[in-house]
Structures are given as C-alpha cells and as structure tokens.
C-alpha cells in the first residue's frame, strides 16, 4: 500500500501497489495546503516512510520609474 498522510496522520491518498512490481507515479500536490506530510509505502513486513514539506513561495518585485 502507498499512503500520503498529513501531519496528524490523516490519510489523504491511498493506493494498492503490487508486492514485486516497480512503481512510478507523478503526484499533483498543488491542492495541498502548506504543511508537513508523509509518504508511506508498505509491502508485507517492510515499511518505508519519507516526510516532505509543502511550502508556497511568494515572489515580489519592485519596479522603479525614473522621472
């Protein structure tokens, strides 16, 4: 199984994946609010957990106008 969880452990996404297959997927995380998340992959007794952070970056610019 593959899970994406928020920082309180609530499951936001889950998907069954094969035990002996190679898995590749691109996730669109644009709907997630800024915060800490975890991706977890469980295969039998093996469990891999990787934390990640979603953070919005704001870019600001200043234009100077000469008189």
C-alpha atoms as a PDB file:
ATOM      1  CA  UNK A   1       0.000   0.000   0.000  1.00  0.00           C
ATOM      2  CA  UNK A   2       1.000   3.578  -0.610  1.00  0.00           C
ATOM      3  CA  UNK A   3      -0.277   6.359   1.645  1.00  0.00           C
ATOM      4  CA  UNK A   4       0.073  10.127   1.725  1.00  0.00           C
ATOM      5  CA  UNK A   5      -0.724  11.454   5.198  1.00  0.00           C
ATOM      6  CA  UNK A   6      -0.964  14.910   6.723  1.00  0.00           C
ATOM      7  CA  UNK A   7       0.919  15.873   9.878  1.00  0.00           C
ATOM      8  CA  UNK A   8      -1.776  14.472  12.196  1.00  0.00           C
ATOM      9  CA  UNK A   9      -1.715  11.122  10.382  1.00  0.00           C
ATOM     10  CA  UNK A  10      -4.942  11.536   8.413  1.00  0.00           C
ATOM     11  CA  UNK A  11      -4.777   9.540   5.157  1.00  0.00           C
ATOM     12  CA  UNK A  12      -5.209  11.883   2.187  1.00  0.00           C
ATOM     13  CA  UNK A  13      -4.431   9.321  -0.513  1.00  0.00           C
ATOM     14  CA  UNK A  14      -4.061   5.556  -0.627  1.00  0.00           C
ATOM     15  CA  UNK A  15      -3.371   3.111  -3.403  1.00  0.00           C
ATOM     16  CA  UNK A  16      -2.715  -0.608  -3.505  1.00  0.00           C
ATOM     17  CA  UNK A  17       0.580  -1.440  -5.188  1.00  0.00           C
ATOM     18  CA  UNK A  18       1.902  -4.832  -6.191  1.00  0.00           C
ATOM     19  CA  UNK A  19       4.349  -6.561  -3.948  1.00  0.00           C
ATOM     20  CA  UNK A  20       7.015  -7.318  -6.554  1.00  0.00           C
ATOM     21  CA  UNK A  21       6.409  -4.623  -9.134  1.00  0.00           C
ATOM     22  CA  UNK A  22       8.345  -1.448  -9.876  1.00  0.00           C
ATOM     23  CA  UNK A  23       6.207   1.566  -9.068  1.00  0.00           C
ATOM     24  CA  UNK A  24       6.444   5.020 -10.621  1.00  0.00           C
ATOM     25  CA  UNK A  25       3.929   7.852 -10.385  1.00  0.00           C
ATOM     26  CA  UNK A  26       3.851  11.638 -10.544  1.00  0.00           C
ATOM     27  CA  UNK A  27       1.631  13.224  -7.901  1.00  0.00           C
ATOM     28  CA  UNK A  28      -0.083  16.591  -8.278  1.00  0.00           C
ATOM     29  CA  UNK A  29       0.291  18.119  -4.817  1.00  0.00           C
ATOM     30  CA  UNK A  30      -0.985  21.566  -5.826  1.00  0.00           C
ATOM     31  CA  UNK A  31      -4.209  21.142  -3.843  1.00  0.00           C
ATOM     32  CA  UNK A  32      -2.372  20.507  -0.560  1.00  0.00           C
ATOM     33  CA  UNK A  33      -2.106  23.424   1.845  1.00  0.00           C
ATOM     34  CA  UNK A  34       1.306  24.387   3.212  1.00  0.00           C
ATOM     35  CA  UNK A  35       2.407  21.936   5.867  1.00  0.00           C
ATOM     36  CA  UNK A  36       4.206  18.720   6.735  1.00  0.00           C
ATOM     37  CA  UNK A  37       3.241  15.439   5.102  1.00  0.00           C
ATOM     38  CA  UNK A  38       4.435  11.838   4.930  1.00  0.00           C
ATOM     39  CA  UNK A  39       4.527   9.325   2.125  1.00  0.00           C
ATOM     40  CA  UNK A  40       4.475   5.724   3.332  1.00  0.00           C
ATOM     41  CA  UNK A  41       4.927   2.539   1.360  1.00  0.00           C
ATOM     42  CA  UNK A  42       4.126  -0.790   2.984  1.00  0.00           C
ATOM     43  CA  UNK A  43       4.969  -4.122   1.381  1.00  0.00           C
ATOM     44  CA  UNK A  44       4.441  -7.082   3.649  1.00  0.00           C
ATOM     45  CA  UNK A  45       6.557  -6.510   6.769  1.00  0.00           C
ATOM     46  CA  UNK A  46       8.629  -3.765   5.125  1.00  0.00           C
ATOM     47  CA  UNK A  47       7.587  -0.135   5.628  1.00  0.00           C
ATOM     48  CA  UNK A  48       9.298   2.944   4.181  1.00  0.00           C
ATOM     49  CA  UNK A  49       8.264   6.373   5.472  1.00  0.00           C
ATOM     50  CA  UNK A  50       9.533   9.662   3.995  1.00  0.00           C
ATOM     51  CA  UNK A  51       8.480  13.086   5.279  1.00  0.00           C
ATOM     52  CA  UNK A  52       8.080  16.071   2.949  1.00  0.00           C
ATOM     53  CA  UNK A  53       7.011  19.699   3.242  1.00  0.00           C
ATOM     54  CA  UNK A  54       4.676  21.692   1.007  1.00  0.00           C
ATOM     55  CA  UNK A  55       5.512  25.401   1.130  1.00  0.00           C
ATOM     56  CA  UNK A  56       4.200  28.171  -1.091  1.00  0.00           C
ATOM     57  CA  UNK A  57       6.847  30.632  -2.214  1.00  0.00           C
ATOM     58  CA  UNK A  58       5.851  34.210  -2.826  1.00  0.00           C
ATOM     59  CA  UNK A  59       7.875  36.292  -5.257  1.00  0.00           C
ATOM     60  CA  UNK A  60       7.726  40.059  -5.034  1.00  0.00           C
ATOM     61  CA  UNK A  61       9.353  42.641  -7.248  1.00  0.00           C
ATOM     62  CA  UNK A  62       9.768  46.383  -7.221  1.00  0.00           C
ATOM     63  CA  UNK A  63       9.832  48.464 -10.408  1.00  0.00           C
ATOM     64  CA  UNK A  64      11.413  51.895 -10.145  1.00  0.00           C
ATOM     65  CA  UNK A  65      10.200  54.549 -12.546  1.00  0.00           C
ATOM     66  CA  UNK A  66      12.647  57.320 -13.392  1.00  0.00           C
ATOM     67  CA  UNK A  67      11.208  60.861 -13.717  1.00  0.00           C
END
